[in-house]
Amino acid sequence: RLRFRDGVLQIGAWDADPEPPEPPGRLEELTGAESGRGMALVRACSDLWHWQPLSRMGHRGKLVWCELAVA
């Protein structure tokens, strides 16, 4: 999901896993890693990121989102 409001681009993605995302590592430390780079990229490029648990119609999951302010 994308939303642009008040000079801020908000990007969100959700999945069915209710567990919180792993804390992102530093991107410089992950250049040779086979996994874990996605959240590190989000952390490196965004002004703010967070997650929240979801529950809807008996289904569980989470929403991970980030914000990018206009430069």
N, C-alpha and C. Protein backbone atom coordinates (compact mmCIF):
# COMPACT_ATOMS: atom_id res chain seq x y z
N ARG A 1 0.85 -1.16 0.00
CA ARG A 1 0.00 0.00 0.00
C ARG A 1 0.90 1.23 0.00
N LEU A 2 0.59 2.18 -0.84
CA LEU A 2 1.29 3.45 -0.92
C LEU A 2 0.32 4.58 -0.60
N ARG A 3 0.81 5.58 0.12
CA ARG A 3 -0.02 6.76 0.38
C ARG A 3 0.91 7.96 0.49
N PHE A 4 0.54 9.05 -0.18
CA PHE A 4 1.31 10.29 -0.11
C PHE A 4 0.43 11.34 0.55
N ARG A 5 0.92 11.87 1.67
CA ARG A 5 0.13 12.86 2.40
C ARG A 5 1.08 13.81 3.12
N ASP A 6 0.81 15.09 2.99
CA ASP A 6 1.57 16.13 3.69
C ASP A 6 3.07 16.03 3.46
N GLY A 7 3.46 15.71 2.23
CA GLY A 7 4.88 15.65 1.88
C GLY A 7 5.59 14.40 2.36
N VAL A 8 4.84 13.37 2.74
CA VAL A 8 5.43 12.13 3.23
C VAL A 8 4.84 10.95 2.45
N LEU A 9 5.72 10.12 1.90
CA LEU A 9 5.30 8.89 1.24
C LEU A 9 5.31 7.78 2.28
N GLN A 10 4.16 7.12 2.47
CA GLN A 10 4.05 6.00 3.39
C GLN A 10 3.94 4.72 2.56
N ILE A 11 4.76 3.74 2.89
CA ILE A 11 4.78 2.46 2.19
C ILE A 11 4.50 1.38 3.22
N GLY A 12 3.55 0.51 2.93
CA GLY A 12 3.21 -0.56 3.86
C GLY A 12 3.08 -1.88 3.16
N ALA A 13 3.43 -2.95 3.86
CA ALA A 13 3.27 -4.30 3.35
C ALA A 13 2.81 -5.18 4.50
N TRP A 14 2.01 -6.19 4.21
CA TRP A 14 1.52 -7.06 5.26
C TRP A 14 1.71 -8.51 4.86
N ASP A 15 1.73 -9.37 5.87
CA ASP A 15 1.78 -10.81 5.63
C ASP A 15 1.02 -11.53 6.73
N ALA A 16 0.92 -12.84 6.62
CA ALA A 16 0.12 -13.64 7.54
C ALA A 16 0.87 -14.04 8.81
N ASP A 17 2.15 -13.79 8.87
CA ASP A 17 2.94 -14.16 10.05
C ASP A 17 2.77 -13.10 11.13
N PRO A 18 2.21 -13.47 12.30
CA PRO A 18 1.98 -12.47 13.34
C PRO A 18 3.24 -12.09 14.13
N GLU A 19 4.34 -12.80 13.91
CA GLU A 19 5.57 -12.51 14.65
C GLU A 19 6.19 -11.20 14.16
N PRO A 20 6.78 -10.43 15.07
CA PRO A 20 7.43 -9.18 14.65
C PRO A 20 8.60 -9.46 13.73
N PRO A 21 8.92 -8.52 12.86
CA PRO A 21 10.08 -8.71 11.99
C PRO A 21 11.36 -8.72 12.81
N GLU A 22 12.35 -9.41 12.30
CA GLU A 22 13.66 -9.40 12.96
C GLU A 22 14.20 -7.98 12.92
N PRO A 23 14.84 -7.52 13.99
CA PRO A 23 15.43 -6.18 13.94
C PRO A 23 16.45 -6.12 12.80
N PRO A 24 16.38 -5.09 12.00
CA PRO A 24 17.30 -5.03 10.85
C PRO A 24 18.73 -4.81 11.28
N GLY A 25 19.63 -5.49 10.60
CA GLY A 25 21.06 -5.26 10.81
C GLY A 25 21.50 -4.03 10.04
N ARG A 26 22.75 -3.70 10.21
CA ARG A 26 23.31 -2.58 9.44
C ARG A 26 23.60 -3.07 8.03
N LEU A 27 23.21 -2.31 7.04
CA LEU A 27 23.33 -2.71 5.64
C LEU A 27 24.77 -3.05 5.29
N GLU A 28 25.73 -2.31 5.84
CA GLU A 28 27.14 -2.55 5.53
C GLU A 28 27.57 -3.95 5.99
N GLU A 29 26.93 -4.48 7.01
CA GLU A 29 27.29 -5.79 7.54
C GLU A 29 26.61 -6.94 6.79
N LEU A 30 25.69 -6.63 5.88
CA LEU A 30 24.89 -7.66 5.22
C LEU A 30 25.19 -7.83 3.75
N THR A 31 26.27 -7.27 3.26
CA THR A 31 26.54 -7.33 1.82
C THR A 31 26.66 -8.76 1.30
N GLY A 32 27.16 -9.68 2.10
CA GLY A 32 27.29 -11.07 1.66
C GLY A 32 26.21 -11.98 2.20
N ALA A 33 25.25 -11.43 2.92
CA ALA A 33 24.21 -12.26 3.54
C ALA A 33 23.23 -12.80 2.51
N GLU A 34 22.68 -13.97 2.78
CA GLU A 34 21.69 -14.59 1.90
C GLU A 34 20.28 -14.16 2.24
N SER A 35 20.08 -13.59 3.43
CA SER A 35 18.76 -13.12 3.83
C SER A 35 18.93 -11.95 4.80
N GLY A 36 17.81 -11.28 5.10
CA GLY A 36 17.85 -10.19 6.08
C GLY A 36 18.17 -8.82 5.52
N ARG A 37 18.33 -8.73 4.21
CA ARG A 37 18.69 -7.43 3.63
C ARG A 37 17.49 -6.52 3.43
N GLY A 38 16.28 -7.09 3.32
CA GLY A 38 15.09 -6.28 3.04
C GLY A 38 14.84 -5.21 4.09
N MET A 39 14.76 -5.61 5.35
CA MET A 39 14.51 -4.64 6.42
C MET A 39 15.69 -3.70 6.60
N ALA A 40 16.90 -4.18 6.33
CA ALA A 40 18.07 -3.30 6.41
C ALA A 40 17.98 -2.20 5.35
N LEU A 41 17.49 -2.54 4.15
CA LEU A 41 17.30 -1.53 3.11
C LEU A 41 16.23 -0.52 3.52
N VAL A 42 15.14 -1.02 4.09
CA VAL A 42 14.08 -0.12 4.56
C VAL A 42 14.64 0.82 5.61
N ARG A 43 15.37 0.28 6.57
CA ARG A 43 15.96 1.10 7.64
C ARG A 43 16.92 2.14 7.07
N ALA A 44 17.75 1.75 6.10
CA ALA A 44 18.75 2.65 5.55
C ALA A 44 18.13 3.78 4.72
N CYS A 45 17.01 3.50 4.06
CA CYS A 45 16.43 4.47 3.13
C CYS A 45 15.29 5.30 3.70
N SER A 46 14.68 4.86 4.79
CA SER A 46 13.49 5.54 5.28
C SER A 46 13.82 6.48 6.44
N ASP A 47 12.91 7.41 6.66
CA ASP A 47 13.03 8.32 7.79
C ASP A 47 12.48 7.69 9.06
N LEU A 48 11.54 6.75 8.90
CA LEU A 48 10.89 6.11 10.03
C LEU A 48 10.33 4.78 9.55
N TRP A 49 10.39 3.74 10.38
CA TRP A 49 9.73 2.48 10.05
C TRP A 49 9.23 1.86 11.35
N HIS A 50 8.23 1.01 11.22
CA HIS A 50 7.67 0.34 12.39
C HIS A 50 6.80 -0.81 11.90
N TRP A 51 6.21 -1.54 12.82
CA TRP A 51 5.30 -2.63 12.47
C TRP A 51 4.18 -2.66 13.49
N GLN A 52 3.09 -3.30 13.13
CA GLN A 52 1.99 -3.47 14.07
C GLN A 52 1.28 -4.78 13.76
N PRO A 53 0.80 -5.47 14.80
CA PRO A 53 0.06 -6.71 14.58
C PRO A 53 -1.31 -6.43 13.96
N LEU A 54 -1.80 -7.38 13.18
CA LEU A 54 -3.11 -7.26 12.55
C LEU A 54 -3.99 -8.44 12.95
N SER A 55 -5.26 -8.20 13.06
CA SER A 55 -6.23 -9.26 13.28
C SER A 55 -7.50 -8.83 12.55
N ARG A 56 -7.92 -9.67 11.60
CA ARG A 56 -9.11 -9.31 10.82
C ARG A 56 -9.83 -10.58 10.40
N MET A 57 -11.10 -10.67 10.74
CA MET A 57 -11.96 -11.78 10.35
C MET A 57 -11.31 -13.13 10.69
N GLY A 58 -10.71 -13.22 11.88
CA GLY A 58 -10.11 -14.47 12.33
C GLY A 58 -8.71 -14.73 11.80
N HIS A 59 -8.20 -13.87 10.92
CA HIS A 59 -6.85 -14.04 10.38
C HIS A 59 -5.88 -13.16 11.15
N ARG A 60 -4.68 -13.66 11.35
CA ARG A 60 -3.67 -12.89 12.07
C ARG A 60 -2.51 -12.59 11.12
N GLY A 61 -1.80 -11.53 11.41
CA GLY A 61 -0.65 -11.17 10.60
C GLY A 61 -0.03 -9.91 11.15
N LYS A 62 0.72 -9.22 10.28
CA LYS A 62 1.35 -7.96 10.69
C LYS A 62 1.45 -7.02 9.50
N LEU A 63 1.54 -5.75 9.81
CA LEU A 63 1.78 -4.69 8.84
C LEU A 63 3.12 -4.06 9.17
N VAL A 64 4.00 -3.98 8.19
CA VAL A 64 5.28 -3.30 8.33
C VAL A 64 5.21 -2.08 7.43
N TRP A 65 5.60 -0.91 7.95
CA TRP A 65 5.47 0.31 7.17
C TRP A 65 6.69 1.21 7.38
N CYS A 66 6.89 2.10 6.42
CA CYS A 66 7.96 3.09 6.54
C CYS A 66 7.48 4.40 5.93
N GLU A 67 8.18 5.45 6.27
CA GLU A 67 7.86 6.79 5.75
C GLU A 67 9.11 7.40 5.13
N LEU A 68 8.89 8.08 4.00
CA LEU A 68 9.94 8.81 3.30
C LEU A 68 9.47 10.24 3.11
N ALA A 69 10.17 11.18 3.71
CA ALA A 69 9.79 12.59 3.59
C ALA A 69 10.36 13.17 2.29
N VAL A 70 9.66 14.17 1.75
CA VAL A 70 10.13 14.84 0.56
C VAL A 70 11.44 15.56 0.89
N ALA A 71 12.41 15.39 0.02
CA ALA A 71 13.72 16.02 0.26
C ALA A 71 13.70 17.48 -0.10
